[in-house]
Amino acid sequence: MKWIDITLPMEEGRPNWPGDIPFAHHITRQIGKDGSHANVSTIESSVHFGTHLDAPYHFIADGKKIDELDLNVLIGPCQVVEVPSAGVHVDLEALKRTVVPGVKRLLIKTDNSQRIHDREFHKNFVALSPEAARWLIDQGIKLVGIDYFSIGPYGDTKDVHHIILGPNDTVALEGVDLSKVDPGFYYLICLPMKIKDAGGAPVRVLLGAEE
């Protein structure tokens, strides 16, 4: 199995969602300095920074929290599709033509992949429309991922999140780096930090492909 890491590095200077606390990494001890025998550091971050997973609780008041998710949703076969945009939305008709019936985990590659590594936040990123979100849920998809920091468009994220997270057994994976990933079928491993009572968490995401 060949593994592809589609996780963005957690590092200072990477854009955060406007209004969130920027990521910061502070070195507190270094080997050879002040008698230290170890390298130690601390981090400060939003739980929705970089590549991260949204649990239902992020938008659903009584929804499942990140430490309550079914791991079976986060590990297993996955389809990666590449679809054009219609303005700031994923083209729904193109999506319908590419998603294979029965898929439970879906990652959507868009024009966002051309700017996922930019050091500025792009408010005009491509996201799902409410109609596309409903169609995905109707297909029985449990995990929806996209190559920017929200499944919903900037300034109007609530409706799409409510649709995707509303069933309470579904999740949104945001900020995945699909810039070097071809459309196709893979094996997904997507494990978030187990932060008690949180609505989201940073996640390490791997795609496995047969060699």
N, C-alpha and C. Protein backbone atom coordinates (compact mmCIF):
# COMPACT_ATOMS: atom_id res chain seq x y z
N MET A 1 0.84 -1.19 0.00
CA MET A 1 0.00 0.00 0.00
C MET A 1 0.88 1.26 0.00
N LYS A 2 0.61 2.16 -0.92
CA LYS A 2 1.29 3.45 -0.95
C LYS A 2 0.41 4.46 -0.23
N TRP A 3 1.00 5.19 0.71
CA TRP A 3 0.24 6.14 1.51
C TRP A 3 0.54 7.57 1.07
N ILE A 4 -0.51 8.35 0.89
CA ILE A 4 -0.40 9.76 0.52
C ILE A 4 -0.90 10.60 1.68
N ASP A 5 -0.05 11.45 2.21
CA ASP A 5 -0.43 12.33 3.32
C ASP A 5 -1.07 13.58 2.74
N ILE A 6 -2.35 13.79 3.02
CA ILE A 6 -3.06 14.96 2.48
C ILE A 6 -3.36 15.97 3.59
N THR A 7 -2.50 15.94 4.62
CA THR A 7 -2.64 16.85 5.76
C THR A 7 -1.76 18.07 5.57
N LEU A 8 -2.29 19.25 5.80
CA LEU A 8 -1.48 20.47 5.79
C LEU A 8 -0.66 20.54 7.07
N PRO A 9 0.59 20.95 7.00
CA PRO A 9 1.37 21.12 8.23
C PRO A 9 0.76 22.20 9.12
N MET A 10 0.74 21.95 10.40
CA MET A 10 0.33 22.98 11.35
C MET A 10 1.54 23.87 11.60
N GLU A 11 1.47 25.09 11.09
CA GLU A 11 2.62 25.97 11.18
C GLU A 11 2.17 27.42 11.21
N GLU A 12 2.97 28.26 11.82
CA GLU A 12 2.68 29.69 11.86
C GLU A 12 2.74 30.26 10.45
N GLY A 13 1.87 31.21 10.17
CA GLY A 13 1.83 31.84 8.87
C GLY A 13 0.79 31.24 7.94
N ARG A 14 0.30 30.04 8.27
CA ARG A 14 -0.77 29.46 7.47
C ARG A 14 -2.08 30.16 7.85
N PRO A 15 -2.92 30.48 6.87
CA PRO A 15 -4.12 31.28 7.19
C PRO A 15 -5.11 30.54 8.09
N ASN A 16 -5.67 31.27 9.03
CA ASN A 16 -6.73 30.76 9.88
C ASN A 16 -8.07 31.33 9.40
N TRP A 17 -9.14 30.75 9.86
CA TRP A 17 -10.45 31.31 9.54
C TRP A 17 -10.54 32.71 10.15
N PRO A 18 -11.00 33.70 9.38
CA PRO A 18 -11.06 35.07 9.91
C PRO A 18 -11.81 35.14 11.24
N GLY A 19 -11.16 35.72 12.23
CA GLY A 19 -11.75 35.85 13.56
C GLY A 19 -11.29 34.78 14.53
N ASP A 20 -10.76 33.66 14.02
CA ASP A 20 -10.24 32.62 14.91
C ASP A 20 -8.84 33.00 15.40
N ILE A 21 -8.43 32.34 16.47
CA ILE A 21 -7.09 32.56 17.01
C ILE A 21 -6.07 31.95 16.05
N PRO A 22 -5.08 32.71 15.61
CA PRO A 22 -4.06 32.15 14.71
C PRO A 22 -3.25 31.05 15.40
N PHE A 23 -2.76 30.12 14.61
CA PHE A 23 -1.92 29.08 15.16
C PHE A 23 -0.58 29.67 15.60
N ALA A 24 -0.11 29.25 16.78
CA ALA A 24 1.18 29.70 17.30
C ALA A 24 1.91 28.51 17.92
N HIS A 25 3.18 28.41 17.64
CA HIS A 25 4.02 27.34 18.18
C HIS A 25 5.18 27.98 18.94
N HIS A 26 5.20 27.76 20.25
CA HIS A 26 6.20 28.41 21.11
C HIS A 26 7.19 27.37 21.65
N ILE A 27 8.47 27.63 21.42
CA ILE A 27 9.51 26.79 21.98
C ILE A 27 9.74 27.21 23.43
N THR A 28 9.59 26.27 24.36
CA THR A 28 9.75 26.60 25.78
C THR A 28 11.05 26.08 26.37
N ARG A 29 11.60 25.03 25.77
CA ARG A 29 12.91 24.52 26.22
C ARG A 29 13.64 23.95 25.03
N GLN A 30 14.96 24.10 25.02
CA GLN A 30 15.78 23.54 23.95
C GLN A 30 17.00 22.84 24.54
N ILE A 31 17.34 21.74 23.93
CA ILE A 31 18.50 20.98 24.40
C ILE A 31 19.75 21.87 24.36
N GLY A 32 20.47 21.89 25.48
CA GLY A 32 21.70 22.66 25.56
C GLY A 32 21.52 24.09 26.00
N LYS A 33 20.29 24.54 26.16
CA LYS A 33 20.04 25.91 26.62
C LYS A 33 19.45 25.88 28.03
N ASP A 34 20.01 26.69 28.90
CA ASP A 34 19.55 26.78 30.29
C ASP A 34 19.51 25.42 30.98
N GLY A 35 20.44 24.57 30.60
CA GLY A 35 20.55 23.27 31.25
C GLY A 35 19.50 22.25 30.82
N SER A 36 18.75 22.54 29.78
CA SER A 36 17.70 21.62 29.35
C SER A 36 18.27 20.40 28.64
N HIS A 37 17.67 19.24 28.92
CA HIS A 37 18.05 17.99 28.27
C HIS A 37 17.00 17.56 27.25
N ALA A 38 15.99 18.40 27.01
CA ALA A 38 14.91 18.02 26.10
C ALA A 38 14.43 19.24 25.33
N ASN A 39 13.85 18.98 24.16
CA ASN A 39 13.16 20.02 23.39
C ASN A 39 11.68 19.97 23.73
N VAL A 40 11.12 21.09 24.16
CA VAL A 40 9.72 21.15 24.58
C VAL A 40 9.07 22.38 23.97
N SER A 41 7.81 22.26 23.58
CA SER A 41 7.12 23.40 23.01
C SER A 41 5.63 23.33 23.33
N THR A 42 4.94 24.44 23.13
CA THR A 42 3.49 24.51 23.32
C THR A 42 2.87 25.06 22.05
N ILE A 43 1.57 24.79 21.88
CA ILE A 43 0.85 25.33 20.73
C ILE A 43 -0.42 26.03 21.19
N GLU A 44 -0.85 27.00 20.38
CA GLU A 44 -2.14 27.65 20.58
C GLU A 44 -2.84 27.64 19.23
N SER A 45 -4.11 27.23 19.23
CA SER A 45 -4.77 27.05 17.95
C SER A 45 -6.27 26.92 18.12
N SER A 46 -7.02 27.32 17.09
CA SER A 46 -8.42 26.94 16.96
C SER A 46 -8.47 25.46 16.65
N VAL A 47 -9.52 24.78 17.09
CA VAL A 47 -9.66 23.37 16.75
C VAL A 47 -10.05 23.19 15.28
N HIS A 48 -10.38 24.30 14.61
CA HIS A 48 -10.76 24.27 13.20
C HIS A 48 -9.67 24.87 12.31
N PHE A 49 -8.42 24.71 12.72
CA PHE A 49 -7.29 25.24 11.95
C PHE A 49 -6.76 24.19 11.00
N GLY A 50 -6.37 24.64 9.80
CA GLY A 50 -5.71 23.74 8.85
C GLY A 50 -6.60 22.58 8.45
N THR A 51 -5.99 21.41 8.33
CA THR A 51 -6.75 20.21 8.02
C THR A 51 -7.45 19.75 9.30
N HIS A 52 -8.78 19.77 9.29
CA HIS A 52 -9.51 19.48 10.51
C HIS A 52 -10.83 18.80 10.21
N LEU A 53 -11.40 18.22 11.23
CA LEU A 53 -12.68 17.51 11.11
C LEU A 53 -13.73 18.26 11.92
N ASP A 54 -14.90 18.45 11.30
CA ASP A 54 -16.06 19.01 11.99
C ASP A 54 -16.95 17.89 12.48
N ALA A 55 -17.21 17.84 13.77
CA ALA A 55 -18.21 16.94 14.33
C ALA A 55 -19.57 17.63 14.27
N PRO A 56 -20.68 16.88 14.35
CA PRO A 56 -22.00 17.52 14.33
C PRO A 56 -22.16 18.64 15.35
N TYR A 57 -21.55 18.50 16.53
CA TYR A 57 -21.70 19.50 17.59
C TYR A 57 -21.22 20.89 17.17
N HIS A 58 -20.40 20.96 16.13
CA HIS A 58 -19.92 22.26 15.65
C HIS A 58 -21.08 23.18 15.27
N PHE A 59 -22.14 22.61 14.70
CA PHE A 59 -23.30 23.41 14.29
C PHE A 59 -24.63 22.91 14.85
N ILE A 60 -24.63 21.73 15.46
CA ILE A 60 -25.86 21.13 15.99
C ILE A 60 -25.75 21.10 17.51
N ALA A 61 -26.66 21.80 18.19
CA ALA A 61 -26.53 22.02 19.63
C ALA A 61 -26.41 20.72 20.43
N ASP A 62 -27.16 19.70 20.04
CA ASP A 62 -27.10 18.43 20.77
C ASP A 62 -26.42 17.35 19.94
N GLY A 63 -25.60 17.75 18.99
CA GLY A 63 -24.92 16.80 18.11
C GLY A 63 -23.74 16.12 18.78
N LYS A 64 -23.25 15.06 18.13
CA LYS A 64 -22.10 14.34 18.65
C LYS A 64 -20.86 15.22 18.64
N LYS A 65 -20.05 15.07 19.66
CA LYS A 65 -18.80 15.81 19.77
C LYS A 65 -17.65 14.97 19.19
N ILE A 66 -16.52 15.59 19.05
CA ILE A 66 -15.41 14.95 18.34
C ILE A 66 -14.98 13.65 19.00
N ASP A 67 -15.09 13.57 20.32
CA ASP A 67 -14.68 12.35 21.04
C ASP A 67 -15.76 11.28 21.05
N GLU A 68 -16.90 11.57 20.42
CA GLU A 68 -18.01 10.62 20.40
C GLU A 68 -18.25 10.02 19.01
N LEU A 69 -17.42 10.37 18.04
CA LEU A 69 -17.65 9.94 16.66
C LEU A 69 -17.40 8.44 16.48
N ASP A 70 -18.14 7.86 15.53
CA ASP A 70 -17.96 6.47 15.15
C ASP A 70 -16.71 6.36 14.29
N LEU A 71 -15.72 5.63 14.76
CA LEU A 71 -14.46 5.51 14.02
C LEU A 71 -14.64 4.80 12.69
N ASN A 72 -15.69 4.03 12.55
CA ASN A 72 -15.95 3.35 11.29
C ASN A 72 -16.24 4.32 10.16
N VAL A 73 -16.71 5.52 10.51
CA VAL A 73 -16.94 6.55 9.49
C VAL A 73 -15.62 7.13 9.01
N LEU A 74 -14.62 7.13 9.86
CA LEU A 74 -13.36 7.82 9.60
C LEU A 74 -12.30 6.95 8.94
N ILE A 75 -12.56 5.67 8.83
CA ILE A 75 -11.59 4.74 8.26
C ILE A 75 -12.32 3.83 7.27
N GLY A 76 -11.79 3.76 6.04
CA GLY A 76 -12.40 2.85 5.07
C GLY A 76 -12.26 3.35 3.65
N PRO A 77 -12.89 2.67 2.70
CA PRO A 77 -12.81 3.05 1.29
C PRO A 77 -13.33 4.46 1.06
N CYS A 78 -12.72 5.13 0.09
CA CYS A 78 -13.03 6.55 -0.15
C CYS A 78 -12.89 6.83 -1.65
N GLN A 79 -13.75 7.71 -2.15
CA GLN A 79 -13.60 8.17 -3.53
C GLN A 79 -13.15 9.63 -3.53
N VAL A 80 -12.19 9.94 -4.38
CA VAL A 80 -11.78 11.32 -4.64
C VAL A 80 -12.30 11.70 -6.02
N VAL A 81 -13.07 12.78 -6.08
CA VAL A 81 -13.58 13.27 -7.36
C VAL A 81 -13.03 14.66 -7.62
N GLU A 82 -12.87 15.01 -8.87
CA GLU A 82 -12.46 16.36 -9.26
C GLU A 82 -13.57 16.96 -10.09
N VAL A 83 -14.11 18.08 -9.62
CA VAL A 83 -15.26 18.69 -10.30
C VAL A 83 -15.01 20.18 -10.51
N PRO A 84 -15.57 20.73 -11.57
CA PRO A 84 -15.44 22.17 -11.82
C PRO A 84 -16.33 22.96 -10.88
N SER A 85 -16.16 24.25 -10.89
CA SER A 85 -16.97 25.13 -10.05
C SER A 85 -17.98 25.88 -10.89
N ALA A 86 -19.06 26.26 -10.23
CA ALA A 86 -20.05 27.15 -10.82
C ALA A 86 -20.10 28.38 -9.92
N GLY A 87 -19.22 29.34 -10.18
CA GLY A 87 -19.07 30.46 -9.26
C GLY A 87 -18.33 30.00 -8.02
N VAL A 88 -18.91 30.26 -6.86
CA VAL A 88 -18.28 29.82 -5.60
C VAL A 88 -18.79 28.46 -5.16
N HIS A 89 -19.59 27.80 -5.99
CA HIS A 89 -20.14 26.50 -5.63
C HIS A 89 -19.58 25.39 -6.52
N VAL A 90 -19.52 24.20 -5.94
CA VAL A 90 -19.22 22.99 -6.71
C VAL A 90 -20.35 22.77 -7.71
N ASP A 91 -20.00 22.43 -8.94
CA ASP A 91 -21.00 22.17 -9.97
C ASP A 91 -21.76 20.88 -9.62
N LEU A 92 -23.04 21.02 -9.28
CA LEU A 92 -23.82 19.88 -8.81
C LEU A 92 -23.99 18.81 -9.89
N GLU A 93 -24.25 19.23 -11.11
CA GLU A 93 -24.46 18.24 -12.16
C GLU A 93 -23.19 17.45 -12.44
N ALA A 94 -22.04 18.11 -12.38
CA ALA A 94 -20.77 17.41 -12.54
C ALA A 94 -20.54 16.44 -11.38
N LEU A 95 -20.93 16.86 -10.20
CA LEU A 95 -20.80 16.00 -9.02
C LEU A 95 -21.64 14.74 -9.19
N LYS A 96 -22.86 14.91 -9.68
CA LYS A 96 -23.75 13.77 -9.87
C LYS A 96 -23.18 12.77 -10.88
N ARG A 97 -22.45 13.27 -11.85
CA ARG A 97 -21.90 12.39 -12.89
C ARG A 97 -20.67 11.61 -12.41
N THR A 98 -20.01 12.11 -11.37
CA THR A 98 -18.74 11.50 -10.97
C THR A 98 -18.82 10.64 -9.72
N VAL A 99 -19.76 10.91 -8.82
CA VAL A 99 -19.85 10.15 -7.58
C VAL A 99 -20.46 8.77 -7.86
N VAL A 100 -19.77 7.75 -7.44
CA VAL A 100 -20.22 6.38 -7.66
C VAL A 100 -21.26 6.00 -6.60
N PRO A 101 -22.38 5.42 -7.01
CA PRO A 101 -23.40 5.00 -6.03
C PRO A 101 -22.81 4.06 -4.98
N GLY A 102 -23.21 4.27 -3.74
CA GLY A 102 -22.76 3.43 -2.64
C GLY A 102 -21.55 3.95 -1.89
N VAL A 103 -20.92 5.00 -2.40
CA VAL A 103 -19.76 5.58 -1.72
C VAL A 103 -20.18 6.18 -0.38
N LYS A 104 -19.40 5.93 0.66
CA LYS A 104 -19.70 6.46 2.00
C LYS A 104 -18.77 7.59 2.41
N ARG A 105 -17.58 7.65 1.78
CA ARG A 105 -16.60 8.69 2.10
C ARG A 105 -16.18 9.34 0.80
N LEU A 106 -16.32 10.66 0.74
CA LEU A 106 -16.08 11.37 -0.51
C LEU A 106 -15.22 12.60 -0.26
N LEU A 107 -14.15 12.75 -1.05
CA LEU A 107 -13.33 13.95 -1.02
C LEU A 107 -13.48 14.66 -2.36
N ILE A 108 -13.72 15.96 -2.31
CA ILE A 108 -14.00 16.74 -3.51
C ILE A 108 -12.83 17.67 -3.81
N LYS A 109 -12.20 17.44 -4.96
CA LYS A 109 -11.10 18.29 -5.41
C LYS A 109 -11.65 19.35 -6.35
N THR A 110 -11.30 20.61 -6.08
CA THR A 110 -11.80 21.74 -6.85
C THR A 110 -10.63 22.66 -7.23
N ASP A 111 -10.98 23.84 -7.76
CA ASP A 111 -9.95 24.85 -8.03
C ASP A 111 -9.23 25.30 -6.77
N ASN A 112 -9.82 25.00 -5.61
CA ASN A 112 -9.17 25.37 -4.34
C ASN A 112 -7.78 24.78 -4.22
N SER A 113 -7.58 23.61 -4.82
CA SER A 113 -6.29 22.92 -4.68
C SER A 113 -5.13 23.73 -5.25
N GLN A 114 -5.44 24.69 -6.11
CA GLN A 114 -4.40 25.54 -6.68
C GLN A 114 -3.94 26.63 -5.70
N ARG A 115 -4.70 26.81 -4.62
CA ARG A 115 -4.34 27.88 -3.67
C ARG A 115 -4.38 27.44 -2.21
N ILE A 116 -4.46 26.14 -1.99
CA ILE A 116 -4.53 25.64 -0.62
C ILE A 116 -3.26 25.95 0.17
N HIS A 117 -2.13 26.16 -0.54
CA HIS A 117 -0.87 26.45 0.15
C HIS A 117 -0.58 27.96 0.24
N ASP A 118 -1.48 28.80 -0.26
CA ASP A 118 -1.27 30.25 -0.18
C ASP A 118 -1.25 30.71 1.26
N ARG A 119 -0.53 31.79 1.50
CA ARG A 119 -0.41 32.33 2.86
C ARG A 119 -1.46 33.39 3.16
N GLU A 120 -2.40 33.56 2.27
CA GLU A 120 -3.52 34.46 2.53
C GLU A 120 -4.82 33.66 2.46
N PHE A 121 -5.83 34.14 3.18
CA PHE A 121 -7.13 33.48 3.18
C PHE A 121 -7.95 33.99 2.00
N HIS A 122 -8.44 33.08 1.17
CA HIS A 122 -9.25 33.44 0.00
C HIS A 122 -10.73 33.29 0.35
N LYS A 123 -11.44 34.41 0.40
CA LYS A 123 -12.86 34.35 0.76
C LYS A 123 -13.73 33.81 -0.37
N ASN A 124 -13.22 33.81 -1.58
CA ASN A 124 -14.01 33.34 -2.72
C ASN A 124 -13.72 31.88 -3.05
N PHE A 125 -13.39 31.09 -2.03
CA PHE A 125 -13.10 29.67 -2.25
C PHE A 125 -14.37 28.93 -2.72
N VAL A 126 -14.14 27.78 -3.36
CA VAL A 126 -15.24 26.96 -3.86
C VAL A 126 -15.77 26.06 -2.73
N ALA A 127 -17.09 26.01 -2.60
CA ALA A 127 -17.70 25.23 -1.53
C ALA A 127 -18.97 24.56 -2.06
N LEU A 128 -19.63 23.82 -1.20
CA LEU A 128 -20.89 23.19 -1.56
C LEU A 128 -22.04 24.18 -1.50
N SER A 129 -23.00 24.01 -2.35
CA SER A 129 -24.28 24.72 -2.24
C SER A 129 -25.19 23.87 -1.35
N PRO A 130 -26.25 24.45 -0.78
CA PRO A 130 -27.19 23.64 -0.02
C PRO A 130 -27.78 22.49 -0.84
N GLU A 131 -28.02 22.73 -2.12
CA GLU A 131 -28.57 21.69 -2.98
C GLU A 131 -27.59 20.52 -3.13
N ALA A 132 -26.31 20.84 -3.31
CA ALA A 132 -25.29 19.79 -3.42
C ALA A 132 -25.15 19.03 -2.10
N ALA A 133 -25.20 19.75 -1.00
CA ALA A 133 -25.10 19.12 0.31
C ALA A 133 -26.25 18.14 0.54
N ARG A 134 -27.46 18.55 0.18
CA ARG A 134 -28.62 17.66 0.35
C ARG A 134 -28.49 16.42 -0.55
N TRP A 135 -28.00 16.62 -1.76
CA TRP A 135 -27.84 15.49 -2.66
C TRP A 135 -26.85 14.48 -2.10
N LEU A 136 -25.74 14.96 -1.53
CA LEU A 136 -24.74 14.06 -0.95
C LEU A 136 -25.32 13.27 0.22
N ILE A 137 -26.06 13.94 1.08
CA ILE A 137 -26.68 13.25 2.21
C ILE A 137 -27.70 12.23 1.72
N ASP A 138 -28.45 12.58 0.68
CA ASP A 138 -29.43 11.64 0.12
C ASP A 138 -28.77 10.39 -0.46
N GLN A 139 -27.51 10.51 -0.86
CA GLN A 139 -26.77 9.35 -1.40
C GLN A 139 -26.23 8.44 -0.29
N GLY A 140 -26.40 8.86 0.96
CA GLY A 140 -25.92 8.04 2.07
C GLY A 140 -24.46 8.27 2.42
N ILE A 141 -23.89 9.37 1.95
CA ILE A 141 -22.48 9.66 2.26
C ILE A 141 -22.35 10.11 3.70
N LYS A 142 -21.35 9.56 4.38
CA LYS A 142 -21.16 9.83 5.81
C LYS A 142 -20.03 10.81 6.09
N LEU A 143 -19.06 10.87 5.19
CA LEU A 143 -17.92 11.79 5.36
C LEU A 143 -17.75 12.55 4.05
N VAL A 144 -17.82 13.88 4.15
CA VAL A 144 -17.63 14.75 2.99
C VAL A 144 -16.41 15.63 3.26
N GLY A 145 -15.43 15.60 2.34
CA GLY A 145 -14.25 16.42 2.48
C GLY A 145 -14.07 17.35 1.30
N ILE A 146 -13.41 18.48 1.54
CA ILE A 146 -13.16 19.45 0.49
C ILE A 146 -11.79 20.09 0.69
N ASP A 147 -11.26 20.65 -0.38
CA ASP A 147 -9.88 21.15 -0.39
C ASP A 147 -9.76 22.63 -0.03
N TYR A 148 -10.61 23.10 0.88
CA TYR A 148 -10.40 24.40 1.51
C TYR A 148 -10.99 24.32 2.91
N PHE A 149 -11.07 25.43 3.60
CA PHE A 149 -11.29 25.40 5.05
C PHE A 149 -12.75 25.41 5.47
N SER A 150 -13.67 25.21 4.54
CA SER A 150 -15.08 25.09 4.89
C SER A 150 -15.83 24.40 3.77
N ILE A 151 -16.79 23.56 4.13
CA ILE A 151 -17.65 22.94 3.12
C ILE A 151 -18.72 23.92 2.63
N GLY A 152 -18.96 24.99 3.39
CA GLY A 152 -19.93 26.00 3.01
C GLY A 152 -19.24 27.28 2.58
N PRO A 153 -19.86 28.07 1.69
CA PRO A 153 -19.22 29.28 1.18
C PRO A 153 -19.03 30.34 2.26
N TYR A 154 -18.01 31.17 2.08
CA TYR A 154 -17.71 32.20 3.06
C TYR A 154 -18.89 33.15 3.21
N GLY A 155 -19.22 33.48 4.44
CA GLY A 155 -20.32 34.39 4.73
C GLY A 155 -21.67 33.72 4.80
N ASP A 156 -21.72 32.42 4.44
CA ASP A 156 -23.00 31.72 4.45
C ASP A 156 -22.76 30.23 4.68
N THR A 157 -22.02 29.91 5.72
CA THR A 157 -21.62 28.52 5.95
C THR A 157 -22.67 27.71 6.71
N LYS A 158 -23.59 28.39 7.38
CA LYS A 158 -24.50 27.70 8.31
C LYS A 158 -25.37 26.65 7.62
N ASP A 159 -26.02 27.01 6.52
CA ASP A 159 -26.98 26.09 5.90
C ASP A 159 -26.32 24.79 5.46
N VAL A 160 -25.17 24.89 4.80
CA VAL A 160 -24.48 23.69 4.32
C VAL A 160 -24.02 22.82 5.49
N HIS A 161 -23.49 23.44 6.53
CA HIS A 161 -23.06 22.68 7.70
C HIS A 161 -24.25 21.98 8.37
N HIS A 162 -25.38 22.67 8.46
CA HIS A 162 -26.56 22.07 9.08
C HIS A 162 -27.02 20.85 8.29
N ILE A 163 -26.95 20.93 6.97
CA ILE A 163 -27.37 19.81 6.13
C ILE A 163 -26.41 18.64 6.26
N ILE A 164 -25.12 18.90 6.18
CA ILE A 164 -24.13 17.81 6.23
C ILE A 164 -24.04 17.20 7.62
N LEU A 165 -24.05 18.02 8.65
CA LEU A 165 -23.86 17.53 10.01
C LEU A 165 -25.18 17.15 10.70
N GLY A 166 -26.29 17.56 10.12
CA GLY A 166 -27.60 17.38 10.74
C GLY A 166 -27.99 15.95 11.06
N PRO A 167 -27.66 14.96 10.21
CA PRO A 167 -28.05 13.58 10.54
C PRO A 167 -27.41 13.05 11.82
N ASN A 168 -26.34 13.71 12.29
CA ASN A 168 -25.66 13.40 13.55
C ASN A 168 -24.80 12.14 13.47
N ASP A 169 -24.71 11.52 12.30
CA ASP A 169 -23.76 10.42 12.12
C ASP A 169 -22.87 10.69 10.91
N THR A 170 -22.79 11.96 10.54
CA THR A 170 -22.00 12.38 9.39
C THR A 170 -21.01 13.45 9.83
N VAL A 171 -19.93 13.62 9.05
CA VAL A 171 -18.88 14.57 9.42
C VAL A 171 -18.39 15.31 8.20
N ALA A 172 -17.74 16.44 8.44
CA ALA A 172 -17.14 17.24 7.37
C ALA A 172 -15.63 17.30 7.60
N LEU A 173 -14.89 17.00 6.55
CA LEU A 173 -13.43 17.05 6.59
C LEU A 173 -12.99 18.24 5.74
N GLU A 174 -12.31 19.19 6.35
CA GLU A 174 -12.00 20.45 5.67
C GLU A 174 -10.50 20.72 5.66
N GLY A 175 -10.06 21.38 4.58
CA GLY A 175 -8.65 21.74 4.48
C GLY A 175 -7.74 20.61 4.09
N VAL A 176 -8.24 19.66 3.29
CA VAL A 176 -7.37 18.57 2.83
C VAL A 176 -6.57 19.03 1.60
N ASP A 177 -5.35 18.56 1.52
CA ASP A 177 -4.46 18.94 0.42
C ASP A 177 -4.56 17.88 -0.68
N LEU A 178 -5.38 18.16 -1.68
CA LEU A 178 -5.56 17.24 -2.80
C LEU A 178 -4.80 17.70 -4.04
N SER A 179 -3.89 18.64 -3.87
CA SER A 179 -3.20 19.25 -5.01
C SER A 179 -2.41 18.24 -5.84
N LYS A 180 -1.97 17.14 -5.21
CA LYS A 180 -1.19 16.13 -5.93
C LYS A 180 -1.88 14.78 -5.95
N VAL A 181 -3.20 14.80 -5.74
CA VAL A 181 -3.98 13.57 -5.70
C VAL A 181 -4.84 13.45 -6.95
N ASP A 182 -4.77 12.32 -7.62
CA ASP A 182 -5.60 12.07 -8.79
C ASP A 182 -6.97 11.54 -8.36
N PRO A 183 -8.01 11.84 -9.12
CA PRO A 183 -9.32 11.24 -8.83
C PRO A 183 -9.23 9.72 -8.85
N GLY A 184 -10.02 9.07 -8.02
CA GLY A 184 -10.00 7.62 -7.99
C GLY A 184 -10.45 7.10 -6.64
N PHE A 185 -10.12 5.84 -6.40
CA PHE A 185 -10.55 5.17 -5.17
C PHE A 185 -9.34 4.88 -4.29
N TYR A 186 -9.50 5.14 -3.01
CA TYR A 186 -8.42 5.02 -2.04
C TYR A 186 -8.96 4.42 -0.75
N TYR A 187 -8.04 4.19 0.18
CA TYR A 187 -8.42 3.79 1.54
C TYR A 187 -8.09 4.96 2.46
N LEU A 188 -9.09 5.46 3.14
CA LEU A 188 -8.96 6.66 3.97
C LEU A 188 -8.71 6.32 5.43
N ILE A 189 -7.71 6.99 6.01
CA ILE A 189 -7.52 7.01 7.46
C ILE A 189 -7.57 8.46 7.90
N CYS A 190 -8.51 8.77 8.76
CA CYS A 190 -8.78 10.16 9.15
C CYS A 190 -9.04 10.20 10.66
N LEU A 191 -8.00 10.42 11.44
CA LEU A 191 -8.14 10.34 12.89
C LEU A 191 -7.88 11.70 13.55
N PRO A 192 -8.93 12.30 14.12
CA PRO A 192 -8.77 13.59 14.80
C PRO A 192 -8.20 13.44 16.20
N MET A 193 -7.65 14.51 16.71
CA MET A 193 -7.27 14.54 18.12
C MET A 193 -8.51 14.32 18.97
N LYS A 194 -8.38 13.54 20.01
CA LYS A 194 -9.53 13.20 20.87
C LYS A 194 -9.69 14.28 21.94
N ILE A 195 -10.28 15.40 21.54
CA ILE A 195 -10.47 16.54 22.44
C ILE A 195 -11.86 16.45 23.03
N LYS A 196 -11.96 16.24 24.31
CA LYS A 196 -13.26 16.03 24.95
C LYS A 196 -14.15 17.26 24.81
N ASP A 197 -15.39 17.01 24.40
CA ASP A 197 -16.45 18.02 24.31
C ASP A 197 -16.22 19.07 23.22
N ALA A 198 -15.38 18.78 22.25
CA ALA A 198 -15.10 19.75 21.19
C ALA A 198 -15.96 19.48 19.96
N GLY A 199 -16.19 20.54 19.19
CA GLY A 199 -16.94 20.41 17.95
C GLY A 199 -16.07 20.14 16.74
N GLY A 200 -14.77 20.10 16.95
CA GLY A 200 -13.85 19.83 15.85
C GLY A 200 -12.48 19.55 16.40
N ALA A 201 -11.57 19.16 15.51
CA ALA A 201 -10.21 18.88 15.95
C ALA A 201 -9.29 18.80 14.74
N PRO A 202 -8.02 19.18 14.91
CA PRO A 202 -7.03 18.92 13.87
C PRO A 202 -6.96 17.42 13.60
N VAL A 203 -6.65 17.05 12.35
CA VAL A 203 -6.68 15.65 11.97
C VAL A 203 -5.52 15.34 11.05
N ARG A 204 -4.99 14.13 11.16
CA ARG A 204 -3.99 13.62 10.22
C ARG A 204 -4.75 12.71 9.25
N VAL A 205 -4.61 12.99 7.97
CA VAL A 205 -5.39 12.28 6.96
C VAL A 205 -4.47 11.61 5.95
N LEU A 206 -4.68 10.31 5.74
CA LEU A 206 -3.90 9.54 4.80
C LEU A 206 -4.82 8.86 3.80
N LEU A 207 -4.35 8.81 2.55
CA LEU A 207 -5.03 8.04 1.51
C LEU A 207 -4.11 6.90 1.09
N GLY A 208 -4.64 5.70 1.12
CA GLY A 208 -3.88 4.54 0.72
C GLY A 208 -4.26 4.09 -0.66
N ALA A 209 -3.26 3.78 -1.50
CA ALA A 209 -3.50 3.31 -2.86
C ALA A 209 -2.68 2.05 -3.09
N GLU A 210 -3.26 1.09 -3.77
CA GLU A 210 -2.54 -0.13 -4.10
C GLU A 210 -1.38 0.18 -5.04
N GLU A 211 -0.21 -0.38 -4.75
CA GLU A 211 0.96 -0.14 -5.60
C GLU A 211 0.97 -1.10 -6.77
